[in-house]
C-alpha atoms as a PDB file:
ATOM      1  CA  MET A   1     110.114  75.296  96.665  1.00  0.00           C
ATOM      2  CA  ASN A   2     108.795  76.715  93.363  1.00  0.00           C
ATOM      3  CA  THR A   3     111.282  79.462  92.704  1.00  0.00           C
ATOM      4  CA  CYS A   4     111.470  82.295  90.129  1.00  0.00           C
ATOM      5  CA  VAL A   5     114.628  84.250  89.465  1.00  0.00           C
ATOM      6  CA  PHE A   6     113.617  87.672  88.231  1.00  0.00           C
ATOM      7  CA  THR A   7     115.706  90.154  86.258  1.00  0.00           C
ATOM      8  CA  CYS A   8     115.394  92.995  83.786  1.00  0.00           C
ATOM      9  CA  VAL A   9     117.624  93.423  80.710  1.00  0.00           C
ATOM     10  CA  PHE A  10     118.251  96.521  78.624  1.00  0.00           C
ATOM     11  CA  PRO A  11     120.805  97.466  75.982  1.00  0.00           C
ATOM     12  CA  SER A  12     123.450  98.914  78.357  1.00  0.00           C
ATOM     13  CA  VAL A  13     123.893  95.537  80.136  1.00  0.00           C
ATOM     14  CA  GLU A  14     125.144  93.844  76.949  1.00  0.00           C
ATOM     15  CA  PRO A  15     128.848  93.796  78.015  1.00  0.00           C
ATOM     16  CA  TYR A  16     127.906  92.041  81.283  1.00  0.00           C
ATOM     17  CA  LEU A  17     124.976  89.759  80.364  1.00  0.00           C
ATOM     18  CA  ASP A  18     127.088  86.627  79.665  1.00  0.00           C
ATOM     19  CA  ASP A  19     128.791  86.988  83.049  1.00  0.00           C
ATOM     20  CA  PHE A  20     125.345  87.237  84.656  1.00  0.00           C
ATOM     21  CA  LEU A  21     123.954  84.231  82.863  1.00  0.00           C
ATOM     22  CA  LEU A  22     127.038  82.163  83.532  1.00  0.00           C
ATOM     23  CA  SER A  23     126.719  83.005  87.237  1.00  0.00           C
ATOM     24  CA  LEU A  24     123.093  81.679  87.194  1.00  0.00           C
ATOM     25  CA  SER A  25     124.209  78.522  85.443  1.00  0.00           C
ATOM     26  CA  LYS A  26     126.753  77.850  88.254  1.00  0.00           C
ATOM     27  CA  GLN A  27     124.263  78.074  91.151  1.00  0.00           C
ATOM     28  CA  THR A  28     124.133  75.024  93.329  1.00  0.00           C
ATOM     29  CA  MET A  29     120.382  75.072  92.996  1.00  0.00           C
ATOM     30  CA  GLN A  30     119.177  74.849  89.341  1.00  0.00           C
ATOM     31  CA  GLU A  31     115.473  74.203  89.910  1.00  0.00           C
ATOM     32  CA  PHE A  32     114.195  77.683  89.086  1.00  0.00           C
ATOM     33  CA  ARG A  33     112.301  79.531  86.391  1.00  0.00           C
ATOM     34  CA  LEU A  34     114.111  82.554  84.948  1.00  0.00           C
ATOM     35  CA  VAL A  35     111.667  85.418  84.422  1.00  0.00           C
ATOM     36  CA  VAL A  36     113.124  88.234  82.274  1.00  0.00           C
ATOM     37  CA  VAL A  37     111.611  91.621  81.524  1.00  0.00           C
ATOM     38  CA  ASN A  38     113.147  92.713  78.189  1.00  0.00           C
ATOM     39  CA  ASP A  39     113.417  96.444  77.955  1.00  0.00           C
ATOM     40  CA  GLY A  40     114.747  96.861  74.406  1.00  0.00           C
ATOM     41  CA  TYR A  41     117.556  94.294  74.372  1.00  0.00           C
ATOM     42  CA  PHE A  42     117.986  93.014  70.801  1.00  0.00           C
ATOM     43  CA  ASN A  43     118.363  89.311  70.178  1.00  0.00           C
ATOM     44  CA  LEU A  44     117.866  88.230  73.838  1.00  0.00           C
ATOM     45  CA  ARG A  45     116.533  84.822  72.888  1.00  0.00           C
ATOM     46  CA  SER A  46     119.636  83.846  70.930  1.00  0.00           C
ATOM     47  CA  VAL A  47     121.821  84.838  73.955  1.00  0.00           C
ATOM     48  CA  LEU A  48     119.720  82.752  76.329  1.00  0.00           C
ATOM     49  CA  LYS A  49     119.961  79.743  74.034  1.00  0.00           C
ATOM     50  CA  ARG A  50     123.679  79.493  74.833  1.00  0.00           C
ATOM     51  CA  TYR A  51     122.692  78.411  78.360  1.00  0.00           C
ATOM     52  CA  ALA A  52     120.765  75.336  79.447  1.00  0.00           C
ATOM     53  CA  PHE A  53     118.133  76.935  81.586  1.00  0.00           C
ATOM     54  CA  LYS A  54     115.180  74.563  81.913  1.00  0.00           C
ATOM     55  CA  LYS A  55     112.459  77.196  82.185  1.00  0.00           C
ATOM     56  CA  VAL A  56     112.547  80.774  80.872  1.00  0.00           C
ATOM     57  CA  THR A  57     109.789  83.372  80.532  1.00  0.00           C
ATOM     58  CA  ILE A  58     110.380  86.604  78.625  1.00  0.00           C
ATOM     59  CA  ILE A  59     107.970  89.491  78.825  1.00  0.00           C
ATOM     60  CA  GLU A  60     108.265  92.894  77.157  1.00  0.00           C
ATOM     61  CA  GLY A  61     109.190  95.929  79.231  1.00  0.00           C
ATOM     62  CA  GLY A  62     106.953  98.848  80.150  1.00  0.00           C
ATOM     63  CA  SER A  63     107.417 102.577  80.191  1.00  0.00           C
ATOM     64  CA  SER A  64     109.638 102.921  83.295  1.00  0.00           C
ATOM     65  CA  PRO A  65     112.070 100.820  85.460  1.00  0.00           C
ATOM     66  CA  SER A  66     109.487 100.608  88.237  1.00  0.00           C
ATOM     67  CA  LEU A  67     106.743  99.351  85.859  1.00  0.00           C
ATOM     68  CA  ASN A  68     109.186  96.771  84.575  1.00  0.00           C
ATOM     69  CA  ARG A  69     109.760  95.523  88.108  1.00  0.00           C
ATOM     70  CA  LYS A  70     106.014  95.499  88.799  1.00  0.00           C
ATOM     71  CA  LYS A  71     105.326  93.473  85.611  1.00  0.00           C
ATOM     72  CA  GLY A  72     108.046  90.980  86.471  1.00  0.00           C
ATOM     73  CA  ILE A  73     106.884  90.465  90.000  1.00  0.00           C
ATOM     74  CA  GLU A  74     103.346  89.971  88.822  1.00  0.00           C
ATOM     75  CA  GLU A  75     104.522  87.399  86.287  1.00  0.00           C
ATOM     76  CA  CYS A  76     106.379  85.460  89.034  1.00  0.00           C
ATOM     77  CA  LEU A  77     103.201  85.441  91.145  1.00  0.00           C
ATOM     78  CA  ALA A  78     101.133  84.291  88.147  1.00  0.00           C
ATOM     79  CA  GLN A  79     103.491  81.345  87.833  1.00  0.00           C
ATOM     80  CA  ASN A  80     102.867  80.456  91.495  1.00  0.00           C
ATOM     81  CA  ALA A  81     106.358  81.115  92.667  1.00  0.00           C
ATOM     82  CA  GLU A  82     106.826  80.417  96.344  1.00  0.00           C
ATOM     83  CA  VAL A  83     110.075  82.358  96.388  1.00  0.00           C
ATOM     84  CA  ILE A  84     111.178  85.264  94.111  1.00  0.00           C
ATOM     85  CA  ILE A  85     114.925  85.829  93.921  1.00  0.00           C
ATOM     86  CA  PHE A  86     115.884  89.274  92.533  1.00  0.00           C
ATOM     87  CA  ALA A  87     118.986  89.498  90.381  1.00  0.00           C
ATOM     88  CA  ASP A  88     120.292  92.475  88.395  1.00  0.00           C
ATOM     89  CA  SER A  89     121.555  91.488  84.942  1.00  0.00           C
ATOM     90  CA  ASP A  90     124.897  93.334  85.284  1.00  0.00           C
ATOM     91  CA  ASP A  91     125.854  91.494  88.507  1.00  0.00           C
ATOM     92  CA  THR A  92     127.096  88.067  89.463  1.00  0.00           C
ATOM     93  CA  PHE A  93     126.557  85.986  92.628  1.00  0.00           C
ATOM     94  CA  SER A  94     128.190  83.497  95.000  1.00  0.00           C
ATOM     95  CA  GLU A  95     127.218  79.985  93.927  1.00  0.00           C
ATOM     96  CA  ASN A  96     125.182  79.324  97.090  1.00  0.00           C
ATOM     97  CA  ARG A  97     122.918  82.351  96.716  1.00  0.00           C
ATOM     98  CA  PHE A  98     119.764  80.675  95.345  1.00  0.00           C
ATOM     99  CA  GLU A  99     120.004  77.531  97.494  1.00  0.00           C
ATOM    100  CA  LEU A 100     120.749  79.221 100.801  1.00  0.00           C
ATOM    101  CA  SER A 101     118.178  81.989 100.224  1.00  0.00           C
ATOM    102  CA  CYS A 102     115.476  79.410  99.671  1.00  0.00           C
ATOM    103  CA  ASN A 103     116.606  77.240 102.591  1.00  0.00           C
ATOM    104  CA  VAL A 104     116.556  80.168 105.012  1.00  0.00           C
ATOM    105  CA  ILE A 105     113.148  81.328 103.853  1.00  0.00           C
ATOM    106  CA  GLU A 106     111.669  77.793 104.086  1.00  0.00           C
ATOM    107  CA  SER A 107     113.330  76.586 107.332  1.00  0.00           C
ATOM    108  CA  GLY A 108     113.301  79.806 109.338  1.00  0.00           C
ATOM    109  CA  ASN A 109     109.848  81.103 108.475  1.00  0.00           C
ATOM    110  CA  ILE A 110     111.468  84.160 106.973  1.00  0.00           C
ATOM    111  CA  ASP A 111     109.770  86.505 104.478  1.00  0.00           C
ATOM    112  CA  VAL A 112     112.740  88.436 103.135  1.00  0.00           C
ATOM    113  CA  VAL A 113     116.430  87.671 102.941  1.00  0.00           C
ATOM    114  CA  VAL A 114     118.999  90.317 102.093  1.00  0.00           C
ATOM    115  CA  ASN A 115     122.550  89.281 101.394  1.00  0.00           C
ATOM    116  CA  ASP A 116     125.962  91.024 101.450  1.00  0.00           C
ATOM    117  CA  ILE A 117     127.609  92.662  98.446  1.00  0.00           C
ATOM    118  CA  ASN A 118     131.150  92.966  97.130  1.00  0.00           C
ATOM    119  CA  ILE A 119     131.517  96.316  95.362  1.00  0.00           C
ATOM    120  CA  CYS A 120     133.333  95.578  92.137  1.00  0.00           C
ATOM    121  CA  ASP A 121     134.627  97.556  89.124  1.00  0.00           C
ATOM    122  CA  SER A 122     133.327  96.937  85.619  1.00  0.00           C
ATOM    123  CA  ASP A 123     135.592  93.919  85.294  1.00  0.00           C
ATOM    124  CA  GLN A 124     134.360  92.415  88.578  1.00  0.00           C
ATOM    125  CA  ASN A 125     137.555  93.184  90.471  1.00  0.00           C
ATOM    126  CA  ILE A 126     136.609  93.737  94.121  1.00  0.00           C
ATOM    127  CA  ILE A 127     136.909  97.329  95.328  1.00  0.00           C
ATOM    128  CA  LEU A 128     135.230  96.816  98.738  1.00  0.00           C
ATOM    129  CA  GLY A 129     134.452  93.304  99.946  1.00  0.00           C
ATOM    130  CA  ASN A 130     131.621  92.316 102.283  1.00  0.00           C
ATOM    131  CA  TYR A 131     130.370  95.880 102.324  1.00  0.00           C
ATOM    132  CA  PHE A 132     127.199  95.485 104.362  1.00  0.00           C
ATOM    133  CA  SER A 133     128.869  93.272 106.953  1.00  0.00           C
ATOM    134  CA  HIS A 134     130.549  96.421 108.256  1.00  0.00           C
ATOM    135  CA  ARG A 135     127.124  97.535 109.450  1.00  0.00           C
ATOM    136  CA  PHE A 136     125.130  94.256 109.996  1.00  0.00           C
ATOM    137  CA  TYR A 137     125.930  90.768 111.311  1.00  0.00           C
ATOM    138  CA  ASN A 138     125.072  87.410 109.886  1.00  0.00           C
ATOM    139  CA  ARG A 139     121.528  86.162 110.478  1.00  0.00           C
ATOM    140  CA  MET A 140     120.588  89.543 112.022  1.00  0.00           C
ATOM    141  CA  ASP A 141     116.831  90.207 112.184  1.00  0.00           C
ATOM    142  CA  LEU A 142     115.977  93.381 110.335  1.00  0.00           C
ATOM    143  CA  GLU A 143     113.215  95.945 110.829  1.00  0.00           C
ATOM    144  CA  PHE A 144     112.109  99.141 109.112  1.00  0.00           C
ATOM    145  CA  ASP A 145     114.352 101.186 111.409  1.00  0.00           C
ATOM    146  CA  ASN A 146     117.355  99.522 109.702  1.00  0.00           C
ATOM    147  CA  ILE A 147     116.416 101.164 106.407  1.00  0.00           C
ATOM    148  CA  LYS A 148     114.582 104.190 107.694  1.00  0.00           C
ATOM    149  CA  LEU A 149     117.336 106.684 106.680  1.00  0.00           C
ATOM    150  CA  GLY A 150     119.083 104.714 103.967  1.00  0.00           C
ATOM    151  CA  ASN A 151     118.608 101.473 102.044  1.00  0.00           C
ATOM    152  CA  PHE A 152     120.518  98.245 101.536  1.00  0.00           C
ATOM    153  CA  PHE A 153     117.651  96.048 100.251  1.00  0.00           C
ATOM    154  CA  GLY A 154     118.389  96.024  96.500  1.00  0.00           C
ATOM    155  CA  LEU A 155     116.977  94.122  93.563  1.00  0.00           C
ATOM    156  CA  SER A 156     120.184  92.157  93.254  1.00  0.00           C
ATOM    157  CA  ASN A 157     120.706  90.996  96.851  1.00  0.00           C
ATOM    158  CA  THR A 158     117.248  90.017  98.044  1.00  0.00           C
ATOM    159  CA  ALA A 159     114.753  87.172  97.908  1.00  0.00           C
ATOM    160  CA  VAL A 160     111.151  87.161  99.148  1.00  0.00           C
ATOM    161  CA  ARG A 161     108.504  84.664 100.098  1.00  0.00           C
ATOM    162  CA  SER A 162     105.692  85.317  97.606  1.00  0.00           C
ATOM    163  CA  THR A 163     102.831  84.969 100.136  1.00  0.00           C
ATOM    164  CA  ILE A 164     103.727  88.424 101.569  1.00  0.00           C
ATOM    165  CA  LEU A 165     102.998  89.912  98.157  1.00  0.00           C
ATOM    166  CA  LYS A 166      99.601  88.360  97.571  1.00  0.00           C
ATOM    167  CA  LYS A 167      97.632  91.328  98.897  1.00  0.00           C
ATOM    168  CA  PHE A 168     100.402  93.863  98.485  1.00  0.00           C
ATOM    169  CA  LYS A 169     100.141  96.915  96.217  1.00  0.00           C
ATOM    170  CA  ILE A 170     103.410  96.976  94.283  1.00  0.00           C
ATOM    171  CA  PRO A 171     104.742 100.554  94.143  1.00  0.00           C
ATOM    172  CA  THR A 172     105.644 102.205  90.868  1.00  0.00           C
ATOM    173  CA  LEU A 173     108.133 104.761  92.209  1.00  0.00           C
ATOM    174  CA  ASP A 174     111.678 105.060  90.815  1.00  0.00           C
ATOM    175  CA  PRO A 175     113.987 104.012  92.294  1.00  0.00           C
ATOM    176  CA  PHE A 176     111.859 101.027  93.142  1.00  0.00           C
ATOM    177  CA  ASP A 177     113.835  99.054  95.768  1.00  0.00           C
ATOM    178  CA  TRP A 178     113.644 101.217  98.854  1.00  0.00           C
ATOM    179  CA  THR A 179     109.960 101.930  98.699  1.00  0.00           C
ATOM    180  CA  PHE A 180     109.143  98.285  97.896  1.00  0.00           C
ATOM    181  CA  PHE A 181     111.042  96.835 100.811  1.00  0.00           C
ATOM    182  CA  SER A 182     110.073  99.618 103.230  1.00  0.00           C
ATOM    183  CA  ASN A 183     106.444  98.785 102.600  1.00  0.00           C
ATOM    184  CA  LEU A 184     107.119  95.095 103.271  1.00  0.00           C
ATOM    185  CA  LEU A 185     108.938  95.772 106.496  1.00  0.00           C
ATOM    186  CA  LEU A 186     106.294  98.204 107.724  1.00  0.00           C
ATOM    187  CA  LEU A 187     103.719  95.444 107.054  1.00  0.00           C
ATOM    188  CA  ASN A 188     105.537  93.285 109.621  1.00  0.00           C
ATOM    189  CA  SER A 189     107.417  90.999 107.205  1.00  0.00           C
ATOM    190  CA  ARG A 190     110.222  89.113 108.858  1.00  0.00           C
ATOM    191  CA  ALA A 191     113.600  89.864 107.280  1.00  0.00           C
ATOM    192  CA  VAL A 192     117.148  88.572 107.910  1.00  0.00           C
ATOM    193  CA  PHE A 193     120.652  89.559 106.754  1.00  0.00           C
ATOM    194  CA  LEU A 194     122.950  86.871 105.304  1.00  0.00           C
ATOM    195  CA  SER A 195     126.695  87.522 105.092  1.00  0.00           C
ATOM    196  CA  GLU A 196     127.114  83.914 103.869  1.00  0.00           C
ATOM    197  CA  ILE A 197     125.857  84.990 100.424  1.00  0.00           C
ATOM    198  CA  THR A 198     127.417  87.610  98.206  1.00  0.00           C
ATOM    199  CA  THR A 199     126.259  89.636  95.277  1.00  0.00           C
ATOM    200  CA  HIS A 200     129.124  90.987  93.229  1.00  0.00           C
ATOM    201  CA  TYR A 201     127.755  94.469  92.669  1.00  0.00           C
ATOM    202  CA  ARG A 202     129.275  95.902  89.507  1.00  0.00           C
ATOM    203  CA  GLN A 203     130.086  99.664  89.219  1.00  0.00           C
ATOM    204  CA  HIS A 204     129.961 101.047  85.698  1.00  0.00           C
ATOM    205  CA  ASP A 205     128.886 104.136  83.779  1.00  0.00           C
ATOM    206  CA  SER A 206     125.254 102.943  83.305  1.00  0.00           C
ATOM    207  CA  ASN A 207     124.838 101.970  86.959  1.00  0.00           C
ATOM    208  CA  PHE A 208     122.000 104.205  88.119  1.00  0.00           C
ATOM    209  CA  VAL A 209     122.843 104.278  91.803  1.00  0.00           C
ATOM    210  CA  GLY A 210     126.333 103.027  92.486  1.00  0.00           C
ATOM    211  CA  MET A 211     127.964 102.712  95.887  1.00  0.00           C
ATOM    212  CA  GLY A 212     131.370 103.349  97.354  1.00  0.00           C
ATOM    213  CA  GLY A 213     132.310 105.707  94.564  1.00  0.00           C
ATOM    214  CA  GLY A 214     133.091 108.797  96.605  1.00  0.00           C
ATOM    215  CA  PHE A 215     130.942 111.747  97.744  1.00  0.00           C
ATOM    216  CA  SER A 216     129.903 114.639  95.536  1.00  0.00           C
ATOM    217  CA  ILE A 217     127.364 117.463  95.567  1.00  0.00           C
ATOM    218  CA  GLU A 218     125.603 115.822  92.581  1.00  0.00           C
ATOM    219  CA  LYS A 219     125.319 112.496  94.416  1.00  0.00           C
ATOM    220  CA  LEU A 220     124.164 114.228  97.601  1.00  0.00           C
ATOM    221  CA  MET A 221     121.428 116.191  95.834  1.00  0.00           C
ATOM    222  CA  ARG A 222     120.280 113.037  94.035  1.00  0.00           C
ATOM    223  CA  ALA A 223     119.979 111.301  97.417  1.00  0.00           C
ATOM    224  CA  LEU A 224     117.999 114.232  98.800  1.00  0.00           C
ATOM    225  CA  ASP A 225     115.580 114.174  95.851  1.00  0.00           C
ATOM    226  CA  VAL A 226     115.065 110.405  96.296  1.00  0.00           C
ATOM    227  CA  LYS A 227     114.333 110.853 100.029  1.00  0.00           C
ATOM    228  CA  VAL A 228     111.725 113.525  99.283  1.00  0.00           C
ATOM    229  CA  GLN A 229     109.941 111.173  96.824  1.00  0.00           C
ATOM    230  CA  HIS A 230     110.387 108.147  99.046  1.00  0.00           C
ATOM    231  CA  TYR A 231     108.977 109.505 102.243  1.00  0.00           C
ATOM    232  CA  LYS A 232     106.128 111.159 100.417  1.00  0.00           C
ATOM    233  CA  ALA A 233     105.136 107.781  99.015  1.00  0.00           C
ATOM    234  CA  LEU A 234     105.131 106.299 102.559  1.00  0.00           C
ATOM    235  CA  THR A 235     103.364 109.050 104.465  1.00  0.00           C
ATOM    236  CA  TYR A 236     100.138 107.055 104.830  1.00  0.00           C
ATOM    237  CA  LEU A 237     101.981 104.446 106.925  1.00  0.00           C
ATOM    238  CA  SER A 238     102.982 106.511 109.983  1.00  0.00           C
ATOM    239  CA  ASP A 239     103.184 110.035 111.453  1.00  0.00           C
ATOM    240  CA  ASP A 240     106.931 109.619 111.876  1.00  0.00           C
ATOM    241  CA  ILE A 241     107.366 109.078 108.147  1.00  0.00           C
ATOM    242  CA  ALA A 242     105.019 111.977 107.370  1.00  0.00           C
ATOM    243  CA  THR A 243     107.337 114.161 109.460  1.00  0.00           C
ATOM    244  CA  LEU A 244     110.394 112.948 107.552  1.00  0.00           C
ATOM    245  CA  ALA A 245     108.585 113.701 104.269  1.00  0.00           C
ATOM    246  CA  ARG A 246     107.839 117.231 105.359  1.00  0.00           C
ATOM    247  CA  ASP A 247     111.325 117.911 106.809  1.00  0.00           C
ATOM    248  CA  PHE A 248     113.189 116.662 103.736  1.00  0.00           C
ATOM    249  CA  TYR A 249     110.892 118.557 101.418  1.00  0.00           C
ATOM    250  CA  GLU A 250     111.484 121.786 103.393  1.00  0.00           C
ATOM    251  CA  LEU A 251     115.236 121.180 103.352  1.00  0.00           C
ATOM    252  CA  ARG A 252     115.195 120.651  99.565  1.00  0.00           C
ATOM    253  CA  LYS A 253     113.143 123.809  99.044  1.00  0.00           C
ATOM    254  CA  PHE A 254     115.496 125.761 101.351  1.00  0.00           C
ATOM    255  CA  LEU A 255     118.590 124.638  99.452  1.00  0.00           C
ATOM    256  CA  ASP A 256     117.052 125.643  96.161  1.00  0.00           C
ATOM    257  CA  THR A 257     116.680 129.271  97.295  1.00  0.00           C
ATOM    258  CA  SER A 258     119.404 129.816  99.928  1.00  0.00           C
ATOM    259  CA  GLN A 259     122.561 129.209  97.905  1.00  0.00           C
ATOM    260  CA  LYS A 260     123.888 127.070 100.802  1.00  0.00           C
ATOM    261  CA  ILE A 261     124.272 123.799  99.012  1.00  0.00           C
ATOM    262  CA  GLU A 262     128.039 123.784  99.496  1.00  0.00           C
ATOM    263  CA  THR A 263     127.585 124.455 103.218  1.00  0.00           C
ATOM    264  CA  TYR A 264     125.142 121.595 103.432  1.00  0.00           C
ATOM    265  CA  TYR A 265     127.515 119.360 101.487  1.00  0.00           C
ATOM    266  CA  SER A 266     130.364 120.128 103.960  1.00  0.00           C
ATOM    267  CA  GLU A 267     128.132 119.328 106.941  1.00  0.00           C
ATOM    268  CA  CYS A 268     126.942 116.058 105.410  1.00  0.00           C
ATOM    269  CA  ILE A 269     130.558 114.967 104.904  1.00  0.00           C
ATOM    270  CA  ILE A 270     131.123 115.419 108.634  1.00  0.00           C
ATOM    271  CA  HIS A 271     128.030 113.310 109.434  1.00  0.00           C
ATOM    272  CA  GLN A 272     128.590 110.617 106.847  1.00  0.00           C
ATOM    273  CA  TYR A 273     128.970 106.957 107.815  1.00  0.00           C
ATOM    274  CA  LYS A 274     132.224 105.236 106.821  1.00  0.00           C
ATOM    275  CA  PHE A 275     130.124 102.665 104.912  1.00  0.00           C
ATOM    276  CA  PRO A 276     126.988 104.529 103.967  1.00  0.00           C
ATOM    277  CA  LEU A 277     123.913 102.787 102.603  1.00  0.00           C
ATOM    278  CA  TRP A 278     122.145 103.808  99.442  1.00  0.00           C
ATOM    279  CA  TRP A 279     120.717 107.390  99.758  1.00  0.00           C
ATOM    280  CA  GLU A 280     122.084 107.708 103.319  1.00  0.00           C
ATOM    281  CA  GLU A 281     124.292 110.648 102.438  1.00  0.00           C
ATOM    282  CA  ALA A 282     121.478 113.187 102.687  1.00  0.00           C
ATOM    283  CA  VAL A 283     120.815 114.004 106.309  1.00  0.00           C
ATOM    284  CA  LEU A 284     118.652 116.442 108.293  1.00  0.00           C
ATOM    285  CA  LEU A 285     120.759 118.964 110.130  1.00  0.00           C
ATOM    286  CA  GLY A 286     120.204 121.907 112.404  1.00  0.00           C
ATOM    287  CA  ASP A 287     121.095 125.430 111.300  1.00  0.00           C
ATOM    288  CA  ILE A 288     123.001 125.616 108.029  1.00  0.00           C
END
């Protein structure tokens, strides 16, 4: 299958870029085009020359992370990619990731594959292994309900069949991942979870989201803000989502004026999953 591997690079990934590129060079499947959106990384071409990638396309970044993703996906489609594999440039991957992702998409008539992650420190030492396998089983079919209240479809552990994107309006909301994949699942794309593949998800100071790094009021309020934006962007898809958009907006407004953020934080700790997904920390409660 004609495959594009898509990533974005920016100055803060410099300490990790060689690890990322080396991981790509060790994949059991090497027939891919690397599509890179360069958001201000100096001397990228000279770094790439150290690796023997057969096909590389570099395009200049836009004004926001979501626009960078949109530009990159559109470039992959312009190059007639049948499969787009997403890969963050500060992560590394099990050597079977590209090959098995493509095989499952092709042989199983699958539109989206999402693989497991190992949460690692900045030196790629594993902090929590096979994180999503605590919640999902191998080859499990996935639906929107699986990411309705929290996300695990990231731009470093997913691959998509490009035909599902042909008539799809790519969102430009930051953070990009949750809204992008929610739209795909709500449009009846078929998705599956693969524990046989692993993304080594690096935690460091510039990691925008992070996972498994503890629970704080700041992290909780960030999750709440994301949910307000996310559900608002999806309200046109169902009445259920419109209700979530309204309820999370009202909760955020209430916390801004009630001085009960610490009470809400304490209640969320009680209701938190042992292995929470991205943004899952913020929940709707009864009386606070």
